[in-house]
Every structure is written in C-alpha cells, then in structure tokens.
Amino acid sequence: MKLLEELYKEILLRHYKHPLNFRTLEGASVKMPGVNPSCGDSLELYLRLEDGRIAEAAWQGQGCAISMTSASLMSELIKGKTPPEALELTRKFKAMIVDGAEPAPELGDLRALAGVHKLHARVKCATLAWNTLEEALKE
C-alpha cells in the first residue's frame, strides 16, 4: 500500500510541476472559463472539435496540485473522444471523487485522485476541470 501511495504522490507532483497541454489553443472551437470560488482555483479550457471528436484540448490556469493534476490528466484523456464519450468519462470521474465509487480503469492515472473523496474540501478542486468540460460541451 505504501508503494501505491508513493506512486500517487509522484503522479500528483509530476502533473502539478509539468502539466500536460498547459497552453492556449489557437483555433479552439470552444473556450470555457472555470472557477472554484471556495478556494480560488481557476482555469480556461480550450477544445478543438473536428469530425465529431475532441481533436485537441488545452488549458491554462492556477490552483492547487489536485486541481492542476486533474486538469492536466483530463486534457490528455479526452483527446480523440466524442463529446458523449468525454461526458461518460466525466460521470465516472465524478462518481469516484464525489461518491467514492470504485475507480474506473479507463480513468488511467486519474485514479490517483480517488482518495480526494475523503477530503471533502478538495472535491471541488478535483472536479473543476470536469465541470468546466461539461459546460464547454453544452456550447
């Protein structure tokens, strides 16, 4: 168990220090702001949709390690997915974080955030990018 905890800490630190897809996206089909007013985390999500799929995802923002790791991993995971597939990943991620559901294998490294379920003050941090994605896909 100790080894798993160390692996999860490594994933958090890696994505916090070197987030994936952390940039603006020229030619984005959708640009959506997201804010967690309870702690000040914020981000801007950019999506480029092509042929019914998320061809590219990028984001910029600031916040805690949990918020930034979640956005980093989400931006990579949703590439190539259709909006309904991305929304299904959102549902599975939120079930894990909010409800404490068993982490779905397709969430990959995002499963490292499963323990956030026990940290009620951090649930909004972990779900910020995902809530923003839901709003963006409604556009």
N, C-alpha and C. Protein backbone atom coordinates (compact mmCIF):
# COMPACT_ATOMS: atom_id res chain seq x y z
N MET A 1 0.83 -1.21 0.00
CA MET A 1 0.00 0.00 0.00
C MET A 1 0.87 1.26 0.00
N LYS A 2 1.96 1.20 0.72
CA LYS A 2 2.87 2.35 0.80
C LYS A 2 3.41 2.69 -0.59
N LEU A 3 3.75 1.66 -1.38
CA LEU A 3 4.26 1.87 -2.72
C LEU A 3 3.23 2.57 -3.60
N LEU A 4 1.96 2.18 -3.48
CA LEU A 4 0.89 2.80 -4.24
C LEU A 4 0.73 4.27 -3.86
N GLU A 5 0.81 4.58 -2.57
CA GLU A 5 0.71 5.97 -2.12
C GLU A 5 1.84 6.81 -2.69
N GLU A 6 3.05 6.25 -2.74
CA GLU A 6 4.19 6.96 -3.30
C GLU A 6 3.99 7.21 -4.79
N LEU A 7 3.46 6.21 -5.50
CA LEU A 7 3.20 6.37 -6.92
C LEU A 7 2.19 7.50 -7.15
N TYR A 8 1.14 7.54 -6.34
CA TYR A 8 0.12 8.57 -6.48
C TYR A 8 0.70 9.96 -6.19
N LYS A 9 1.55 10.06 -5.19
CA LYS A 9 2.20 11.34 -4.89
C LYS A 9 3.06 11.78 -6.06
N GLU A 10 3.76 10.82 -6.67
CA GLU A 10 4.62 11.12 -7.82
C GLU A 10 3.78 11.66 -8.98
N ILE A 11 2.65 11.01 -9.25
CA ILE A 11 1.76 11.46 -10.33
C ILE A 11 1.28 12.89 -10.06
N LEU A 12 0.85 13.16 -8.83
CA LEU A 12 0.38 14.50 -8.47
C LEU A 12 1.47 15.54 -8.68
N LEU A 13 2.65 15.28 -8.17
CA LEU A 13 3.74 16.25 -8.29
C LEU A 13 4.16 16.45 -9.74
N ARG A 14 4.23 15.37 -10.50
CA ARG A 14 4.65 15.48 -11.90
C ARG A 14 3.70 16.38 -12.68
N HIS A 15 2.40 16.16 -12.51
CA HIS A 15 1.43 16.94 -13.28
C HIS A 15 1.25 18.35 -12.74
N TYR A 16 1.53 18.55 -11.49
CA TYR A 16 1.47 19.90 -10.93
C TYR A 16 2.65 20.73 -11.44
N LYS A 17 3.82 20.13 -11.45
CA LYS A 17 5.03 20.85 -11.87
C LYS A 17 5.15 20.96 -13.40
N HIS A 18 4.67 19.94 -14.10
CA HIS A 18 4.80 19.89 -15.56
C HIS A 18 3.47 19.44 -16.18
N PRO A 19 2.46 20.29 -16.11
CA PRO A 19 1.14 19.88 -16.61
C PRO A 19 1.12 19.66 -18.13
N LEU A 20 0.34 18.70 -18.53
CA LEU A 20 0.15 18.41 -19.96
C LEU A 20 -0.82 19.41 -20.57
N ASN A 21 -0.57 19.78 -21.80
CA ASN A 21 -1.49 20.63 -22.58
C ASN A 21 -1.74 21.99 -21.93
N PHE A 22 -0.79 22.49 -21.18
CA PHE A 22 -0.92 23.78 -20.48
C PHE A 22 -0.50 24.90 -21.44
N ARG A 23 -1.51 25.42 -22.14
CA ARG A 23 -1.27 26.46 -23.15
C ARG A 23 -2.61 26.95 -23.67
N THR A 24 -2.57 28.01 -24.43
CA THR A 24 -3.77 28.42 -25.15
C THR A 24 -3.85 27.57 -26.41
N LEU A 25 -4.98 27.58 -27.05
CA LEU A 25 -5.18 26.77 -28.25
C LEU A 25 -5.76 27.65 -29.35
N GLU A 26 -4.91 27.97 -30.31
CA GLU A 26 -5.36 28.75 -31.45
C GLU A 26 -6.40 27.95 -32.22
N GLY A 27 -7.44 28.60 -32.67
CA GLY A 27 -8.46 27.93 -33.45
C GLY A 27 -9.38 27.03 -32.63
N ALA A 28 -9.46 27.29 -31.33
CA ALA A 28 -10.34 26.48 -30.48
C ALA A 28 -11.80 26.66 -30.90
N SER A 29 -12.53 25.56 -30.92
CA SER A 29 -13.96 25.61 -31.21
C SER A 29 -14.72 26.15 -30.00
N VAL A 30 -14.20 25.84 -28.82
CA VAL A 30 -14.84 26.23 -27.57
C VAL A 30 -13.76 26.72 -26.61
N LYS A 31 -14.08 27.81 -25.92
CA LYS A 31 -13.20 28.34 -24.87
C LYS A 31 -14.11 28.57 -23.67
N MET A 32 -13.80 27.92 -22.54
CA MET A 32 -14.70 27.98 -21.39
C MET A 32 -13.91 28.26 -20.11
N PRO A 33 -14.32 29.30 -19.37
CA PRO A 33 -13.67 29.56 -18.07
C PRO A 33 -14.29 28.69 -16.98
N GLY A 34 -13.49 28.38 -16.00
CA GLY A 34 -13.96 27.64 -14.83
C GLY A 34 -13.32 28.20 -13.58
N VAL A 35 -14.12 28.35 -12.53
CA VAL A 35 -13.62 28.93 -11.27
C VAL A 35 -14.18 28.15 -10.10
N ASN A 36 -13.34 27.91 -9.12
CA ASN A 36 -13.77 27.34 -7.85
C ASN A 36 -13.71 28.48 -6.84
N PRO A 37 -14.84 29.16 -6.59
CA PRO A 37 -14.82 30.33 -5.72
C PRO A 37 -14.44 30.02 -4.27
N SER A 38 -14.59 28.77 -3.86
CA SER A 38 -14.30 28.44 -2.46
C SER A 38 -12.80 28.44 -2.16
N CYS A 39 -11.96 28.28 -3.21
CA CYS A 39 -10.52 28.27 -2.93
C CYS A 39 -9.72 29.13 -3.90
N GLY A 40 -10.34 29.62 -4.96
CA GLY A 40 -9.64 30.49 -5.90
C GLY A 40 -9.01 29.79 -7.08
N ASP A 41 -9.12 28.46 -7.18
CA ASP A 41 -8.61 27.76 -8.36
C ASP A 41 -9.39 28.25 -9.58
N SER A 42 -8.67 28.42 -10.69
CA SER A 42 -9.35 28.85 -11.91
C SER A 42 -8.63 28.28 -13.12
N LEU A 43 -9.39 28.13 -14.19
CA LEU A 43 -8.78 27.67 -15.43
C LEU A 43 -9.60 28.13 -16.62
N GLU A 44 -8.98 28.06 -17.76
CA GLU A 44 -9.63 28.32 -19.04
C GLU A 44 -9.40 27.06 -19.86
N LEU A 45 -10.48 26.44 -20.32
CA LEU A 45 -10.40 25.21 -21.09
C LEU A 45 -10.64 25.53 -22.57
N TYR A 46 -9.78 24.98 -23.42
CA TYR A 46 -9.89 25.16 -24.87
C TYR A 46 -10.09 23.79 -25.51
N LEU A 47 -11.07 23.70 -26.38
CA LEU A 47 -11.32 22.46 -27.12
C LEU A 47 -11.40 22.76 -28.61
N ARG A 48 -10.78 21.91 -29.41
CA ARG A 48 -10.95 22.00 -30.86
C ARG A 48 -11.66 20.72 -31.28
N LEU A 49 -12.86 20.89 -31.80
CA LEU A 49 -13.69 19.77 -32.23
C LEU A 49 -13.57 19.61 -33.75
N GLU A 50 -13.35 18.38 -34.18
CA GLU A 50 -13.27 18.07 -35.61
C GLU A 50 -13.94 16.72 -35.84
N ASP A 51 -14.77 16.66 -36.85
CA ASP A 51 -15.42 15.40 -37.23
C ASP A 51 -16.09 14.71 -36.04
N GLY A 52 -16.72 15.50 -35.18
CA GLY A 52 -17.47 14.94 -34.06
C GLY A 52 -16.61 14.43 -32.91
N ARG A 53 -15.33 14.81 -32.90
CA ARG A 53 -14.42 14.37 -31.84
C ARG A 53 -13.65 15.56 -31.27
N ILE A 54 -13.13 15.36 -30.07
CA ILE A 54 -12.27 16.37 -29.47
C ILE A 54 -10.87 16.12 -30.04
N ALA A 55 -10.52 16.91 -31.03
CA ALA A 55 -9.24 16.73 -31.72
C ALA A 55 -8.09 17.21 -30.84
N GLU A 56 -8.35 18.27 -30.09
CA GLU A 56 -7.31 18.83 -29.24
C GLU A 56 -7.95 19.47 -28.01
N ALA A 57 -7.24 19.37 -26.89
CA ALA A 57 -7.68 20.00 -25.65
C ALA A 57 -6.47 20.67 -25.02
N ALA A 58 -6.67 21.86 -24.51
CA ALA A 58 -5.62 22.59 -23.82
C ALA A 58 -6.26 23.40 -22.71
N TRP A 59 -5.44 23.90 -21.82
CA TRP A 59 -5.97 24.67 -20.70
C TRP A 59 -4.86 25.53 -20.10
N GLN A 60 -5.27 26.56 -19.41
CA GLN A 60 -4.36 27.38 -18.63
C GLN A 60 -5.08 27.72 -17.34
N GLY A 61 -4.33 27.89 -16.28
CA GLY A 61 -4.95 28.26 -15.03
C GLY A 61 -3.98 28.20 -13.88
N GLN A 62 -4.56 28.35 -12.70
CA GLN A 62 -3.76 28.29 -11.49
C GLN A 62 -4.59 27.69 -10.38
N GLY A 63 -3.90 27.02 -9.48
CA GLY A 63 -4.61 26.41 -8.37
C GLY A 63 -3.74 25.41 -7.65
N CYS A 64 -4.38 24.61 -6.83
CA CYS A 64 -3.67 23.62 -6.02
C CYS A 64 -3.23 22.44 -6.88
N ALA A 65 -2.41 21.59 -6.31
CA ALA A 65 -1.89 20.42 -7.03
C ALA A 65 -3.01 19.50 -7.50
N ILE A 66 -4.04 19.34 -6.70
CA ILE A 66 -5.15 18.46 -7.07
C ILE A 66 -5.89 19.01 -8.29
N SER A 67 -6.19 20.28 -8.27
CA SER A 67 -6.90 20.93 -9.37
C SER A 67 -6.09 20.88 -10.67
N MET A 68 -4.81 21.20 -10.57
CA MET A 68 -3.96 21.24 -11.75
C MET A 68 -3.69 19.83 -12.31
N THR A 69 -3.51 18.85 -11.43
CA THR A 69 -3.30 17.47 -11.86
C THR A 69 -4.54 16.95 -12.58
N SER A 70 -5.70 17.23 -12.02
CA SER A 70 -6.95 16.78 -12.62
C SER A 70 -7.11 17.37 -14.02
N ALA A 71 -6.85 18.66 -14.18
CA ALA A 71 -6.97 19.31 -15.48
C ALA A 71 -5.95 18.75 -16.47
N SER A 72 -4.73 18.55 -16.02
CA SER A 72 -3.68 18.02 -16.88
C SER A 72 -4.05 16.64 -17.42
N LEU A 73 -4.42 15.74 -16.52
CA LEU A 73 -4.76 14.38 -16.93
C LEU A 73 -6.03 14.34 -17.77
N MET A 74 -7.02 15.15 -17.40
CA MET A 74 -8.26 15.20 -18.16
C MET A 74 -7.99 15.66 -19.60
N SER A 75 -7.19 16.70 -19.75
CA SER A 75 -6.94 17.24 -21.09
C SER A 75 -6.31 16.21 -22.02
N GLU A 76 -5.53 15.31 -21.47
CA GLU A 76 -4.91 14.26 -22.27
C GLU A 76 -5.90 13.13 -22.56
N LEU A 77 -6.68 12.77 -21.55
CA LEU A 77 -7.60 11.64 -21.66
C LEU A 77 -8.73 11.87 -22.67
N ILE A 78 -9.20 13.09 -22.79
CA ILE A 78 -10.37 13.35 -23.65
C ILE A 78 -10.03 13.51 -25.12
N LYS A 79 -8.75 13.64 -25.45
CA LYS A 79 -8.37 13.79 -26.86
C LYS A 79 -8.81 12.57 -27.66
N GLY A 80 -9.46 12.84 -28.79
CA GLY A 80 -9.92 11.76 -29.66
C GLY A 80 -11.29 11.21 -29.30
N LYS A 81 -11.82 11.65 -28.18
CA LYS A 81 -13.13 11.16 -27.74
C LYS A 81 -14.24 12.00 -28.37
N THR A 82 -15.40 11.39 -28.52
CA THR A 82 -16.59 12.14 -28.92
C THR A 82 -17.09 12.87 -27.68
N PRO A 83 -17.88 13.92 -27.84
CA PRO A 83 -18.44 14.58 -26.66
C PRO A 83 -19.19 13.62 -25.73
N PRO A 84 -20.04 12.69 -26.24
CA PRO A 84 -20.69 11.76 -25.32
C PRO A 84 -19.69 10.87 -24.56
N GLU A 85 -18.62 10.46 -25.23
CA GLU A 85 -17.59 9.65 -24.54
C GLU A 85 -16.90 10.47 -23.45
N ALA A 86 -16.61 11.74 -23.75
CA ALA A 86 -15.98 12.61 -22.76
C ALA A 86 -16.92 12.84 -21.58
N LEU A 87 -18.20 12.99 -21.86
CA LEU A 87 -19.17 13.17 -20.78
C LEU A 87 -19.30 11.91 -19.93
N GLU A 88 -19.16 10.75 -20.54
CA GLU A 88 -19.19 9.50 -19.78
C GLU A 88 -17.96 9.39 -18.87
N LEU A 89 -16.81 9.83 -19.35
CA LEU A 89 -15.61 9.87 -18.50
C LEU A 89 -15.82 10.85 -17.34
N THR A 90 -16.49 11.95 -17.63
CA THR A 90 -16.81 12.93 -16.59
C THR A 90 -17.67 12.28 -15.51
N ARG A 91 -18.67 11.55 -15.94
CA ARG A 91 -19.56 10.88 -14.99
C ARG A 91 -18.77 9.91 -14.11
N LYS A 92 -17.90 9.13 -14.73
CA LYS A 92 -17.12 8.14 -13.98
C LYS A 92 -16.13 8.81 -13.02
N PHE A 93 -15.51 9.89 -13.47
CA PHE A 93 -14.58 10.60 -12.60
C PHE A 93 -15.31 11.19 -11.39
N LYS A 94 -16.45 11.84 -11.66
CA LYS A 94 -17.21 12.45 -10.56
C LYS A 94 -17.76 11.38 -9.60
N ALA A 95 -18.15 10.24 -10.13
CA ALA A 95 -18.63 9.16 -9.26
C ALA A 95 -17.51 8.73 -8.31
N MET A 96 -16.29 8.68 -8.81
CA MET A 96 -15.14 8.31 -7.99
C MET A 96 -14.83 9.39 -6.94
N ILE A 97 -14.84 10.64 -7.36
CA ILE A 97 -14.45 11.74 -6.47
C ILE A 97 -15.57 12.13 -5.51
N VAL A 98 -16.77 12.26 -6.01
CA VAL A 98 -17.88 12.74 -5.19
C VAL A 98 -18.51 11.62 -4.37
N ASP A 99 -18.74 10.47 -5.02
CA ASP A 99 -19.47 9.38 -4.36
C ASP A 99 -18.58 8.29 -3.77
N GLY A 100 -17.29 8.33 -4.10
CA GLY A 100 -16.39 7.29 -3.60
C GLY A 100 -16.52 5.97 -4.35
N ALA A 101 -17.05 6.03 -5.59
CA ALA A 101 -17.19 4.82 -6.39
C ALA A 101 -15.82 4.24 -6.72
N GLU A 102 -15.82 2.96 -7.02
CA GLU A 102 -14.59 2.28 -7.44
C GLU A 102 -14.05 2.98 -8.69
N PRO A 103 -12.75 3.29 -8.72
CA PRO A 103 -12.19 3.98 -9.89
C PRO A 103 -12.30 3.13 -11.16
N ALA A 104 -12.85 3.71 -12.21
CA ALA A 104 -12.99 3.01 -13.49
C ALA A 104 -11.62 2.90 -14.16
N PRO A 105 -11.27 1.72 -14.69
CA PRO A 105 -9.96 1.53 -15.32
C PRO A 105 -9.66 2.55 -16.42
N GLU A 106 -10.69 2.95 -17.17
CA GLU A 106 -10.45 3.89 -18.27
C GLU A 106 -10.02 5.29 -17.81
N LEU A 107 -10.09 5.55 -16.52
CA LEU A 107 -9.62 6.84 -15.99
C LEU A 107 -8.09 6.89 -15.90
N GLY A 108 -7.44 5.76 -16.05
CA GLY A 108 -5.98 5.74 -16.06
C GLY A 108 -5.38 6.36 -14.80
N ASP A 109 -4.40 7.24 -15.00
CA ASP A 109 -3.70 7.86 -13.88
C ASP A 109 -4.61 8.74 -13.01
N LEU A 110 -5.76 9.11 -13.53
CA LEU A 110 -6.70 9.90 -12.72
C LEU A 110 -7.17 9.13 -11.49
N ARG A 111 -7.00 7.81 -11.52
CA ARG A 111 -7.35 7.00 -10.35
C ARG A 111 -6.51 7.39 -9.15
N ALA A 112 -5.38 8.04 -9.38
CA ALA A 112 -4.53 8.51 -8.28
C ALA A 112 -5.26 9.53 -7.42
N LEU A 113 -6.31 10.14 -7.95
CA LEU A 113 -7.07 11.14 -7.19
C LEU A 113 -8.24 10.54 -6.41
N ALA A 114 -8.41 9.24 -6.44
CA ALA A 114 -9.54 8.59 -5.78
C ALA A 114 -9.64 8.97 -4.30
N GLY A 115 -8.52 9.12 -3.63
CA GLY A 115 -8.52 9.45 -2.21
C GLY A 115 -9.09 10.82 -1.89
N VAL A 116 -9.22 11.68 -2.90
CA VAL A 116 -9.79 13.01 -2.69
C VAL A 116 -11.21 12.91 -2.16
N HIS A 117 -11.88 11.81 -2.45
CA HIS A 117 -13.24 11.59 -1.97
C HIS A 117 -13.32 11.79 -0.45
N LYS A 118 -12.27 11.44 0.25
CA LYS A 118 -12.25 11.57 1.72
C LYS A 118 -11.91 12.97 2.18
N LEU A 119 -11.46 13.82 1.27
CA LEU A 119 -11.06 15.19 1.59
C LEU A 119 -12.13 16.14 1.05
N HIS A 120 -13.23 16.27 1.74
CA HIS A 120 -14.40 16.99 1.23
C HIS A 120 -14.07 18.39 0.73
N ALA A 121 -13.13 19.07 1.37
CA ALA A 121 -12.78 20.43 0.95
C ALA A 121 -12.08 20.44 -0.40
N ARG A 122 -11.56 19.30 -0.85
CA ARG A 122 -10.81 19.22 -2.11
C ARG A 122 -11.62 18.65 -3.27
N VAL A 123 -12.84 18.21 -3.02
CA VAL A 123 -13.66 17.63 -4.08
C VAL A 123 -13.88 18.65 -5.19
N LYS A 124 -14.17 19.89 -4.84
CA LYS A 124 -14.39 20.93 -5.86
C LYS A 124 -13.12 21.22 -6.64
N CYS A 125 -11.98 21.07 -5.99
CA CYS A 125 -10.69 21.26 -6.69
C CYS A 125 -10.53 20.21 -7.78
N ALA A 126 -10.78 18.96 -7.42
CA ALA A 126 -10.60 17.85 -8.35
C ALA A 126 -11.59 17.89 -9.50
N THR A 127 -12.79 18.39 -9.25
CA THR A 127 -13.84 18.37 -10.28
C THR A 127 -13.93 19.65 -11.11
N LEU A 128 -13.13 20.66 -10.79
CA LEU A 128 -13.20 21.94 -11.51
C LEU A 128 -13.05 21.76 -13.02
N ALA A 129 -12.02 21.10 -13.46
CA ALA A 129 -11.80 20.93 -14.91
C ALA A 129 -12.94 20.14 -15.54
N TRP A 130 -13.43 19.15 -14.83
CA TRP A 130 -14.51 18.29 -15.35
C TRP A 130 -15.82 19.05 -15.44
N ASN A 131 -16.12 19.89 -14.45
CA ASN A 131 -17.32 20.72 -14.51
C ASN A 131 -17.22 21.70 -15.68
N THR A 132 -16.02 22.23 -15.89
CA THR A 132 -15.78 23.15 -16.99
C THR A 132 -15.96 22.43 -18.33
N LEU A 133 -15.47 21.20 -18.41
CA LEU A 133 -15.65 20.39 -19.62
C LEU A 133 -17.13 20.19 -19.92
N GLU A 134 -17.91 19.86 -18.89
CA GLU A 134 -19.36 19.68 -19.10
C GLU A 134 -19.99 20.94 -19.66
N GLU A 135 -19.63 22.09 -19.11
CA GLU A 135 -20.17 23.36 -19.60
C GLU A 135 -19.73 23.61 -21.05
N ALA A 136 -18.45 23.32 -21.32
CA ALA A 136 -17.92 23.55 -22.67
C ALA A 136 -18.65 22.70 -23.70
N LEU A 137 -18.97 21.47 -23.34
CA LEU A 137 -19.62 20.58 -24.30
C LEU A 137 -21.10 20.89 -24.48
N LYS A 138 -21.65 21.72 -23.61
CA LYS A 138 -23.04 22.17 -23.80
C LYS A 138 -23.10 23.26 -24.86
N GLU A 139 -21.96 23.94 -25.07
CA GLU A 139 -21.89 25.07 -26.02
C GLU A 139 -22.10 24.58 -27.45
